[in-house]
Amino acid sequence: MRSQLDALGRTWQDTERNAAQLLKERKNLIALYSVVSALNNSNAELLDLNERVVQLAEQGAPPGRTERGPPQHDADAAPGKERQRPARCRRHRPRSRLPAEP
């Protein structure tokens, strides 16, 4: 029983030290969260703008060309075949559970 209490005491000290470090860095962590959140919001807006630009470019693009930039020539590709555009993925924007700064 004593050995278990000693182990618990060591774990408690480690936890207390970690909590003190987090509290000491709280202001920096909140500032970091704010910057990351702003970047994530900007990325979503930029992705939406990019999708609209691609759609407009595809609507007004010359026949046989659906990509931005110069046409790509591939010696191995069959004539008349278009390059496939890689699939895009939307990034998940995590919501923070940090408390508001006092």
Protein backbone atom coordinates (compact mmCIF):
# COMPACT_ATOMS: atom_id res chain seq x y z
CA MET A 1 0.00 0.00 0.00
CA ARG A 2 2.86 2.37 0.86
CA SER A 3 4.55 1.84 -2.51
CA GLN A 4 1.31 2.70 -4.29
CA LEU A 5 0.98 5.91 -2.28
CA ASP A 6 4.58 6.84 -3.09
CA ALA A 7 3.95 6.26 -6.81
CA LEU A 8 0.78 8.34 -6.59
CA GLY A 9 2.74 11.10 -4.84
CA ARG A 10 5.33 11.18 -7.65
CA THR A 11 2.59 11.24 -10.27
CA TRP A 12 0.83 14.04 -8.40
CA GLN A 13 4.05 16.10 -8.30
CA ASP A 14 4.56 15.63 -12.06
CA THR A 15 0.95 16.62 -12.74
CA GLU A 16 1.25 19.67 -10.50
CA ARG A 17 4.47 20.75 -12.25
CA ASN A 18 2.85 20.32 -15.68
CA ALA A 19 -0.25 22.27 -14.63
CA ALA A 20 1.95 25.10 -13.30
CA GLN A 21 3.83 25.22 -16.61
CA LEU A 22 0.55 25.40 -18.56
CA LEU A 23 -0.75 28.18 -16.34
CA LYS A 24 2.53 30.06 -16.74
CA GLU A 25 2.24 29.80 -20.55
CA ARG A 26 -1.52 30.41 -20.67
CA LYS A 27 -1.23 33.86 -22.23
CA ASN A 28 1.09 32.55 -24.98
CA LEU A 29 -1.12 29.53 -25.62
CA ILE A 30 -4.21 31.72 -26.02
CA ALA A 31 -2.31 34.04 -28.40
CA LEU A 32 -1.16 31.00 -30.40
CA TYR A 33 -4.72 29.70 -30.58
CA SER A 34 -5.92 33.07 -31.89
CA VAL A 35 -3.31 33.09 -34.66
CA VAL A 36 -3.98 29.47 -35.65
CA SER A 37 -7.72 30.11 -35.68
CA ALA A 38 -7.28 33.15 -37.94
CA LEU A 39 -5.08 31.11 -40.30
CA ASN A 40 -7.63 28.29 -40.44
CA ASN A 41 -10.41 30.75 -41.24
CA SER A 42 -8.29 32.36 -43.97
CA ASN A 43 -7.46 28.96 -45.44
CA ALA A 44 -11.16 28.10 -45.75
CA GLU A 45 -11.84 31.42 -47.50
CA LEU A 46 -8.89 30.92 -49.84
CA LEU A 47 -10.04 27.39 -50.66
CA ASP A 48 -13.53 28.68 -51.51
CA LEU A 49 -12.07 31.45 -53.70
CA ASN A 50 -9.82 28.93 -55.43
CA GLU A 51 -12.78 26.66 -56.18
CA ARG A 52 -14.69 29.58 -57.70
CA VAL A 53 -11.71 30.60 -59.83
CA VAL A 54 -11.31 27.03 -61.09
CA GLN A 55 -15.02 26.83 -61.95
CA LEU A 56 -14.89 30.13 -63.82
CA ALA A 57 -11.73 29.09 -65.63
CA GLU A 58 -13.33 25.79 -66.67
CA GLN A 59 -16.43 27.56 -67.96
CA GLY A 60 -14.42 30.00 -70.07
CA ALA A 61 -11.53 27.71 -70.96
CA PRO A 62 -10.86 26.76 -74.57
CA PRO A 63 -12.12 23.29 -75.63
CA GLY A 64 -10.02 20.42 -74.32
CA ARG A 65 -8.43 22.46 -71.57
CA THR A 66 -9.82 22.27 -68.04
CA GLU A 67 -6.76 23.11 -65.95
CA ARG A 68 -5.15 26.37 -65.01
CA GLY A 69 -1.76 27.14 -66.48
CA PRO A 70 -0.26 26.10 -69.80
CA PRO A 71 -1.45 22.89 -71.44
CA GLN A 72 0.55 19.85 -70.43
CA HIS A 73 2.03 17.62 -73.10
CA ASP A 74 2.53 14.01 -72.21
CA ALA A 75 4.12 11.79 -74.83
CA ASP A 76 2.52 8.70 -73.27
CA ALA A 77 -1.01 10.14 -73.08
CA ALA A 78 -3.51 9.23 -75.75
CA PRO A 79 -4.46 12.09 -78.08
CA GLY A 80 -7.49 14.03 -76.89
CA LYS A 81 -7.14 12.79 -73.30
CA GLU A 82 -7.15 15.44 -70.58
CA ARG A 83 -5.09 15.32 -67.42
CA GLN A 84 -7.03 14.48 -64.30
CA ARG A 85 -7.02 17.12 -61.59
CA PRO A 86 -6.05 15.75 -58.17
CA ALA A 87 -8.84 15.56 -55.64
CA ARG A 88 -8.93 18.30 -53.04
CA CYS A 89 -9.77 17.75 -49.44
CA ARG A 90 -11.34 20.19 -47.05
CA ARG A 91 -9.47 20.62 -43.83
CA HIS A 92 -11.31 20.18 -40.63
CA ARG A 93 -11.28 23.36 -38.57
CA PRO A 94 -11.03 22.26 -34.95
CA ARG A 95 -12.89 24.23 -32.32
CA SER A 96 -10.91 25.10 -29.25
CA ARG A 97 -12.10 24.45 -25.77
CA LEU A 98 -9.72 26.96 -24.23
CA PRO A 99 -11.32 29.26 -21.68
CA ALA A 100 -11.55 32.95 -22.49
CA GLU A 101 -8.72 35.03 -21.14
CA PRO A 102 -9.70 36.84 -17.91
